[in-house]
Amino acid sequence: MERTYIMLKPDCVKRGLMGEVINRIEKKGFKITNMKMMNLDEAILREHYAHIADKPFFPGILEYMTSGPVVAMIVEGENAVLGMRTLMGATKYEDALAGTIRGDYATSTGNNIIHGSDSVENGEIEIKRFFGPNA
């Protein structure tokens, strides 16, 4: 079984879509083995988004990701990384197909409801970042 890190972003929480998104994850056959609501600070976001922290749009990401709580999850299942990425849909909301989480609920690329790790290795790094070294 693979593990992956999934985060429901502030727009998902604010719009009351947590239950719907969690329902889709579970209906797809994945198991949520740990979950918590948390507020993110600039330090953890700079670490999480280190690959884009020098981009001109990064201050907007910081503002958005600190605008409210997120829901951090560890999701397990067969091919969890690829399966969750397929379920989430394309990052750019205009490319996300109907029937995917982003295709059905995202209102922009910036407000795209959900984050999921892009590899097993990054999933483990992100799980440790948000749940601690013994997660």
N, C-alpha and C. Protein backbone atom coordinates (compact mmCIF):
# COMPACT_ATOMS: atom_id res chain seq x y z
N MET A 1 0.83 -1.19 0.00
CA MET A 1 0.00 0.00 0.00
C MET A 1 0.87 1.25 0.00
N GLU A 2 0.50 2.20 -0.82
CA GLU A 2 1.18 3.49 -0.87
C GLU A 2 0.51 4.46 0.09
N ARG A 3 1.31 5.44 0.53
CA ARG A 3 0.79 6.57 1.29
C ARG A 3 1.04 7.84 0.48
N THR A 4 0.16 8.79 0.64
CA THR A 4 0.35 10.08 0.03
C THR A 4 -0.18 11.16 0.96
N TYR A 5 0.29 12.37 0.73
CA TYR A 5 -0.17 13.52 1.52
C TYR A 5 -1.21 14.27 0.70
N ILE A 6 -2.34 14.56 1.33
CA ILE A 6 -3.41 15.33 0.71
C ILE A 6 -3.75 16.48 1.64
N MET A 7 -3.96 17.64 1.05
CA MET A 7 -4.35 18.81 1.84
C MET A 7 -5.56 19.47 1.19
N LEU A 8 -6.60 19.65 1.99
CA LEU A 8 -7.75 20.44 1.55
C LEU A 8 -7.44 21.89 1.88
N LYS A 9 -7.41 22.70 0.85
CA LYS A 9 -6.94 24.07 0.97
C LYS A 9 -8.01 24.99 1.57
N PRO A 10 -7.63 26.23 1.92
CA PRO A 10 -8.57 27.13 2.58
C PRO A 10 -9.89 27.33 1.84
N ASP A 11 -9.89 27.37 0.52
CA ASP A 11 -11.15 27.57 -0.20
C ASP A 11 -12.08 26.37 -0.03
N CYS A 12 -11.54 25.19 0.07
CA CYS A 12 -12.35 23.99 0.30
C CYS A 12 -13.03 24.07 1.67
N VAL A 13 -12.26 24.47 2.67
CA VAL A 13 -12.80 24.58 4.03
C VAL A 13 -13.85 25.69 4.09
N LYS A 14 -13.53 26.87 3.55
CA LYS A 14 -14.44 28.01 3.60
C LYS A 14 -15.76 27.74 2.89
N ARG A 15 -15.71 26.98 1.81
CA ARG A 15 -16.91 26.72 1.02
C ARG A 15 -17.71 25.53 1.53
N GLY A 16 -17.23 24.89 2.59
CA GLY A 16 -17.96 23.77 3.16
C GLY A 16 -17.94 22.52 2.30
N LEU A 17 -16.84 22.31 1.59
CA LEU A 17 -16.73 21.16 0.69
C LEU A 17 -15.92 20.01 1.26
N MET A 18 -15.48 20.12 2.51
CA MET A 18 -14.63 19.07 3.10
C MET A 18 -15.31 17.71 3.04
N GLY A 19 -16.55 17.64 3.49
CA GLY A 19 -17.26 16.36 3.51
C GLY A 19 -17.39 15.75 2.13
N GLU A 20 -17.71 16.58 1.14
CA GLU A 20 -17.85 16.09 -0.23
C GLU A 20 -16.53 15.52 -0.75
N VAL A 21 -15.44 16.24 -0.51
CA VAL A 21 -14.13 15.79 -1.01
C VAL A 21 -13.69 14.52 -0.27
N ILE A 22 -13.86 14.50 1.03
CA ILE A 22 -13.50 13.30 1.81
C ILE A 22 -14.34 12.11 1.35
N ASN A 23 -15.61 12.34 1.10
CA ASN A 23 -16.50 11.30 0.61
C ASN A 23 -15.99 10.71 -0.71
N ARG A 24 -15.56 11.57 -1.61
CA ARG A 24 -15.03 11.09 -2.90
C ARG A 24 -13.78 10.24 -2.70
N ILE A 25 -12.91 10.68 -1.80
CA ILE A 25 -11.68 9.93 -1.54
C ILE A 25 -12.03 8.54 -1.01
N GLU A 26 -12.93 8.48 -0.06
CA GLU A 26 -13.30 7.20 0.53
C GLU A 26 -14.08 6.32 -0.45
N LYS A 27 -14.97 6.91 -1.24
CA LYS A 27 -15.73 6.13 -2.23
C LYS A 27 -14.82 5.53 -3.30
N LYS A 28 -13.69 6.17 -3.54
CA LYS A 28 -12.73 5.66 -4.52
C LYS A 28 -11.96 4.47 -3.95
N GLY A 29 -12.09 4.23 -2.66
CA GLY A 29 -11.45 3.07 -2.04
C GLY A 29 -10.19 3.39 -1.26
N PHE A 30 -9.87 4.66 -1.13
CA PHE A 30 -8.70 5.04 -0.35
C PHE A 30 -9.08 5.18 1.12
N LYS A 31 -8.11 4.97 1.98
CA LYS A 31 -8.32 5.05 3.42
C LYS A 31 -7.57 6.26 3.96
N ILE A 32 -8.27 7.09 4.72
CA ILE A 32 -7.65 8.22 5.40
C ILE A 32 -7.19 7.71 6.76
N THR A 33 -5.87 7.66 6.94
CA THR A 33 -5.32 7.07 8.18
C THR A 33 -4.96 8.11 9.23
N ASN A 34 -4.90 9.38 8.83
CA ASN A 34 -4.65 10.45 9.78
C ASN A 34 -5.18 11.73 9.15
N MET A 35 -5.76 12.58 9.98
CA MET A 35 -6.33 13.82 9.46
C MET A 35 -6.36 14.85 10.58
N LYS A 36 -6.04 16.08 10.23
CA LYS A 36 -6.13 17.16 11.21
C LYS A 36 -6.36 18.48 10.50
N MET A 37 -7.06 19.37 11.19
CA MET A 37 -7.24 20.73 10.70
C MET A 37 -6.15 21.57 11.34
N MET A 38 -5.56 22.45 10.54
CA MET A 38 -4.47 23.27 11.05
C MET A 38 -4.40 24.58 10.30
N ASN A 39 -3.78 25.56 10.94
CA ASN A 39 -3.47 26.83 10.29
C ASN A 39 -1.98 26.81 9.95
N LEU A 40 -1.68 27.19 8.73
CA LEU A 40 -0.29 27.17 8.27
C LEU A 40 0.34 28.54 8.47
N ASP A 41 1.65 28.53 8.76
CA ASP A 41 2.38 29.79 8.87
C ASP A 41 3.36 29.92 7.70
N GLU A 42 3.95 31.08 7.61
CA GLU A 42 4.84 31.37 6.49
C GLU A 42 6.03 30.41 6.43
N ALA A 43 6.57 30.02 7.57
CA ALA A 43 7.75 29.15 7.59
C ALA A 43 7.46 27.80 6.94
N ILE A 44 6.36 27.16 7.30
CA ILE A 44 6.05 25.85 6.73
C ILE A 44 5.68 25.98 5.26
N LEU A 45 5.05 27.08 4.89
CA LEU A 45 4.69 27.29 3.48
C LEU A 45 5.92 27.56 2.63
N ARG A 46 6.90 28.28 3.16
CA ARG A 46 8.14 28.50 2.41
C ARG A 46 8.87 27.17 2.20
N GLU A 47 8.81 26.29 3.18
CA GLU A 47 9.42 24.97 3.03
C GLU A 47 8.62 24.14 2.01
N HIS A 48 7.32 24.12 2.14
CA HIS A 48 6.46 23.32 1.27
C HIS A 48 6.54 23.78 -0.18
N TYR A 49 6.59 25.08 -0.38
CA TYR A 49 6.61 25.65 -1.73
C TYR A 49 8.00 26.19 -2.10
N ALA A 50 9.04 25.57 -1.58
CA ALA A 50 10.41 26.04 -1.83
C ALA A 50 10.72 26.14 -3.33
N HIS A 51 10.13 25.27 -4.12
CA HIS A 51 10.38 25.24 -5.57
C HIS A 51 9.80 26.45 -6.30
N ILE A 52 8.92 27.21 -5.65
CA ILE A 52 8.34 28.40 -6.29
C ILE A 52 8.43 29.64 -5.40
N ALA A 53 9.15 29.55 -4.29
CA ALA A 53 9.21 30.66 -3.33
C ALA A 53 9.83 31.92 -3.92
N ASP A 54 10.59 31.80 -5.00
CA ASP A 54 11.22 32.97 -5.61
C ASP A 54 10.39 33.55 -6.77
N LYS A 55 9.23 32.98 -7.02
CA LYS A 55 8.39 33.43 -8.14
C LYS A 55 7.58 34.66 -7.72
N PRO A 56 7.26 35.53 -8.68
CA PRO A 56 6.52 36.75 -8.34
C PRO A 56 5.11 36.51 -7.80
N PHE A 57 4.54 35.35 -8.09
CA PHE A 57 3.20 35.04 -7.61
C PHE A 57 3.18 34.41 -6.22
N PHE A 58 4.34 34.13 -5.65
CA PHE A 58 4.40 33.45 -4.36
C PHE A 58 3.73 34.23 -3.22
N PRO A 59 3.87 35.56 -3.14
CA PRO A 59 3.17 36.28 -2.06
C PRO A 59 1.65 36.04 -2.08
N GLY A 60 1.08 35.89 -3.25
CA GLY A 60 -0.35 35.59 -3.35
C GLY A 60 -0.67 34.21 -2.81
N ILE A 61 0.21 33.25 -3.04
CA ILE A 61 0.03 31.90 -2.49
C ILE A 61 0.10 31.95 -0.97
N LEU A 62 1.07 32.70 -0.45
CA LEU A 62 1.17 32.84 1.02
C LEU A 62 -0.11 33.43 1.60
N GLU A 63 -0.60 34.48 0.96
CA GLU A 63 -1.81 35.12 1.46
C GLU A 63 -2.99 34.14 1.44
N TYR A 64 -3.15 33.43 0.34
CA TYR A 64 -4.23 32.46 0.20
C TYR A 64 -4.11 31.31 1.21
N MET A 65 -2.93 30.74 1.33
CA MET A 65 -2.75 29.55 2.17
C MET A 65 -2.78 29.88 3.66
N THR A 66 -2.62 31.15 4.02
CA THR A 66 -2.75 31.55 5.43
C THR A 66 -4.10 32.21 5.71
N SER A 67 -4.99 32.22 4.73
CA SER A 67 -6.28 32.91 4.88
C SER A 67 -7.29 32.13 5.71
N GLY A 68 -6.99 30.90 6.03
CA GLY A 68 -7.89 30.09 6.83
C GLY A 68 -7.28 28.72 7.03
N PRO A 69 -7.97 27.87 7.79
CA PRO A 69 -7.42 26.55 8.07
C PRO A 69 -7.42 25.65 6.83
N VAL A 70 -6.56 24.65 6.90
CA VAL A 70 -6.51 23.58 5.90
C VAL A 70 -6.76 22.27 6.63
N VAL A 71 -7.05 21.23 5.88
CA VAL A 71 -7.18 19.89 6.43
C VAL A 71 -6.08 19.04 5.83
N ALA A 72 -5.17 18.58 6.69
CA ALA A 72 -4.05 17.73 6.28
C ALA A 72 -4.46 16.27 6.46
N MET A 73 -4.13 15.43 5.47
CA MET A 73 -4.51 14.03 5.53
C MET A 73 -3.39 13.13 5.04
N ILE A 74 -3.30 11.96 5.64
CA ILE A 74 -2.50 10.87 5.11
C ILE A 74 -3.49 9.90 4.50
N VAL A 75 -3.32 9.64 3.22
CA VAL A 75 -4.23 8.77 2.48
C VAL A 75 -3.45 7.55 2.01
N GLU A 76 -4.02 6.38 2.23
CA GLU A 76 -3.37 5.13 1.84
C GLU A 76 -4.24 4.34 0.88
N GLY A 77 -3.56 3.54 0.07
CA GLY A 77 -4.25 2.65 -0.85
C GLY A 77 -3.33 2.21 -1.96
N GLU A 78 -3.82 1.30 -2.76
CA GLU A 78 -3.05 0.84 -3.90
C GLU A 78 -2.91 1.98 -4.90
N ASN A 79 -1.67 2.26 -5.31
CA ASN A 79 -1.38 3.36 -6.23
C ASN A 79 -2.01 4.67 -5.76
N ALA A 80 -1.84 4.97 -4.48
CA ALA A 80 -2.49 6.14 -3.87
C ALA A 80 -2.07 7.45 -4.53
N VAL A 81 -0.80 7.60 -4.88
CA VAL A 81 -0.34 8.87 -5.46
C VAL A 81 -1.02 9.11 -6.80
N LEU A 82 -0.90 8.18 -7.72
CA LEU A 82 -1.50 8.34 -9.05
C LEU A 82 -3.02 8.39 -8.95
N GLY A 83 -3.59 7.52 -8.11
CA GLY A 83 -5.03 7.50 -7.97
C GLY A 83 -5.59 8.80 -7.46
N MET A 84 -4.94 9.37 -6.46
CA MET A 84 -5.40 10.65 -5.91
C MET A 84 -5.19 11.78 -6.91
N ARG A 85 -4.09 11.76 -7.63
CA ARG A 85 -3.85 12.82 -8.61
C ARG A 85 -4.89 12.76 -9.73
N THR A 86 -5.29 11.57 -10.11
CA THR A 86 -6.34 11.42 -11.11
C THR A 86 -7.68 11.92 -10.56
N LEU A 87 -8.00 11.55 -9.32
CA LEU A 87 -9.23 11.98 -8.69
C LEU A 87 -9.28 13.50 -8.52
N MET A 88 -8.13 14.11 -8.21
CA MET A 88 -8.07 15.56 -8.01
C MET A 88 -8.28 16.31 -9.31
N GLY A 89 -7.72 15.84 -10.41
CA GLY A 89 -7.78 16.55 -11.68
C GLY A 89 -6.59 17.47 -11.86
N ALA A 90 -6.50 18.06 -13.02
CA ALA A 90 -5.38 18.93 -13.38
C ALA A 90 -5.27 20.12 -12.43
N THR A 91 -4.04 20.56 -12.17
CA THR A 91 -3.79 21.70 -11.28
C THR A 91 -4.44 22.97 -11.83
N LYS A 92 -4.31 23.21 -13.12
CA LYS A 92 -4.95 24.37 -13.74
C LYS A 92 -6.44 24.04 -13.88
N TYR A 93 -7.24 24.81 -13.19
CA TYR A 93 -8.66 24.45 -13.11
C TYR A 93 -9.32 24.40 -14.49
N GLU A 94 -8.86 25.21 -15.43
CA GLU A 94 -9.47 25.19 -16.76
C GLU A 94 -9.14 23.91 -17.53
N ASP A 95 -8.12 23.17 -17.07
CA ASP A 95 -7.76 21.89 -17.68
C ASP A 95 -8.35 20.70 -16.93
N ALA A 96 -8.93 20.95 -15.76
CA ALA A 96 -9.46 19.86 -14.93
C ALA A 96 -10.80 19.39 -15.50
N LEU A 97 -10.89 18.10 -15.73
CA LEU A 97 -12.08 17.54 -16.34
C LEU A 97 -13.24 17.45 -15.34
N ALA A 98 -14.45 17.60 -15.87
CA ALA A 98 -15.64 17.38 -15.06
C ALA A 98 -15.57 15.98 -14.47
N GLY A 99 -16.03 15.86 -13.24
CA GLY A 99 -15.96 14.58 -12.55
C GLY A 99 -14.76 14.47 -11.63
N THR A 100 -13.77 15.35 -11.82
CA THR A 100 -12.64 15.40 -10.89
C THR A 100 -12.97 16.44 -9.83
N ILE A 101 -12.25 16.38 -8.72
CA ILE A 101 -12.50 17.33 -7.64
C ILE A 101 -12.29 18.75 -8.12
N ARG A 102 -11.17 19.01 -8.78
CA ARG A 102 -10.92 20.38 -9.26
C ARG A 102 -11.85 20.75 -10.40
N GLY A 103 -12.13 19.81 -11.27
CA GLY A 103 -13.04 20.08 -12.38
C GLY A 103 -14.43 20.48 -11.91
N ASP A 104 -14.86 19.89 -10.81
CA ASP A 104 -16.19 20.17 -10.29
C ASP A 104 -16.25 21.36 -9.33
N TYR A 105 -15.15 21.65 -8.62
CA TYR A 105 -15.23 22.62 -7.53
C TYR A 105 -14.25 23.79 -7.60
N ALA A 106 -13.14 23.69 -8.31
CA ALA A 106 -12.17 24.79 -8.34
C ALA A 106 -12.77 26.00 -9.03
N THR A 107 -12.43 27.17 -8.52
CA THR A 107 -12.91 28.41 -9.12
C THR A 107 -11.80 29.16 -9.87
N SER A 108 -10.56 28.73 -9.67
CA SER A 108 -9.41 29.30 -10.37
C SER A 108 -8.23 28.38 -10.13
N THR A 109 -7.15 28.60 -10.84
CA THR A 109 -5.95 27.80 -10.60
C THR A 109 -5.41 28.07 -9.20
N GLY A 110 -5.54 29.29 -8.73
CA GLY A 110 -5.09 29.62 -7.39
C GLY A 110 -5.98 29.04 -6.30
N ASN A 111 -7.27 29.01 -6.55
CA ASN A 111 -8.24 28.44 -5.60
C ASN A 111 -8.70 27.10 -6.15
N ASN A 112 -7.81 26.11 -6.03
CA ASN A 112 -8.10 24.82 -6.67
C ASN A 112 -8.38 23.69 -5.69
N ILE A 113 -8.84 24.03 -4.50
CA ILE A 113 -9.47 23.10 -3.55
C ILE A 113 -8.52 22.17 -2.81
N ILE A 114 -7.55 21.56 -3.52
CA ILE A 114 -6.86 20.41 -2.95
C ILE A 114 -5.42 20.34 -3.43
N HIS A 115 -4.56 19.82 -2.57
CA HIS A 115 -3.16 19.52 -2.93
C HIS A 115 -2.94 18.03 -2.72
N GLY A 116 -2.15 17.43 -3.60
CA GLY A 116 -1.74 16.04 -3.42
C GLY A 116 -0.30 15.87 -3.85
N SER A 117 0.42 15.05 -3.15
CA SER A 117 1.83 14.78 -3.47
C SER A 117 1.95 14.25 -4.89
N ASP A 118 3.08 14.59 -5.55
CA ASP A 118 3.28 14.17 -6.93
C ASP A 118 4.13 12.92 -7.08
N SER A 119 4.59 12.36 -5.97
CA SER A 119 5.36 11.11 -6.01
C SER A 119 5.32 10.47 -4.63
N VAL A 120 5.64 9.20 -4.57
CA VAL A 120 5.70 8.52 -3.27
C VAL A 120 6.74 9.18 -2.38
N GLU A 121 7.89 9.51 -2.96
CA GLU A 121 8.97 10.14 -2.18
C GLU A 121 8.53 11.49 -1.62
N ASN A 122 7.94 12.32 -2.46
CA ASN A 122 7.47 13.62 -1.97
C ASN A 122 6.33 13.47 -0.98
N GLY A 123 5.51 12.45 -1.16
CA GLY A 123 4.46 12.18 -0.21
C GLY A 123 5.00 11.93 1.19
N GLU A 124 6.06 11.14 1.27
CA GLU A 124 6.65 10.85 2.58
C GLU A 124 7.29 12.10 3.19
N ILE A 125 7.92 12.92 2.35
CA ILE A 125 8.50 14.18 2.84
C ILE A 125 7.39 15.08 3.37
N GLU A 126 6.30 15.21 2.62
CA GLU A 126 5.21 16.09 3.02
C GLU A 126 4.47 15.54 4.25
N ILE A 127 4.31 14.23 4.35
CA ILE A 127 3.70 13.64 5.54
C ILE A 127 4.52 14.00 6.77
N LYS A 128 5.82 13.86 6.68
CA LYS A 128 6.68 14.21 7.82
C LYS A 128 6.62 15.70 8.12
N ARG A 129 6.55 16.52 7.08
CA ARG A 129 6.48 17.98 7.27
C ARG A 129 5.23 18.37 8.05
N PHE A 130 4.10 17.77 7.72
CA PHE A 130 2.84 18.20 8.30
C PHE A 130 2.37 17.34 9.48
N PHE A 131 2.91 16.13 9.62
CA PHE A 131 2.48 15.24 10.71
C PHE A 131 3.62 14.86 11.66
N GLY A 132 4.85 15.29 11.36
CA GLY A 132 5.96 14.98 12.26
C GLY A 132 6.76 13.79 11.79
N PRO A 133 7.96 13.62 12.33
CA PRO A 133 8.89 12.61 11.85
C PRO A 133 8.47 11.16 12.09
N ASN A 134 7.55 10.94 13.01
CA ASN A 134 7.14 9.56 13.30
C ASN A 134 5.83 9.16 12.62
N ALA A 135 5.35 10.01 11.73
CA ALA A 135 4.06 9.72 11.05
C ALA A 135 4.22 8.57 10.06
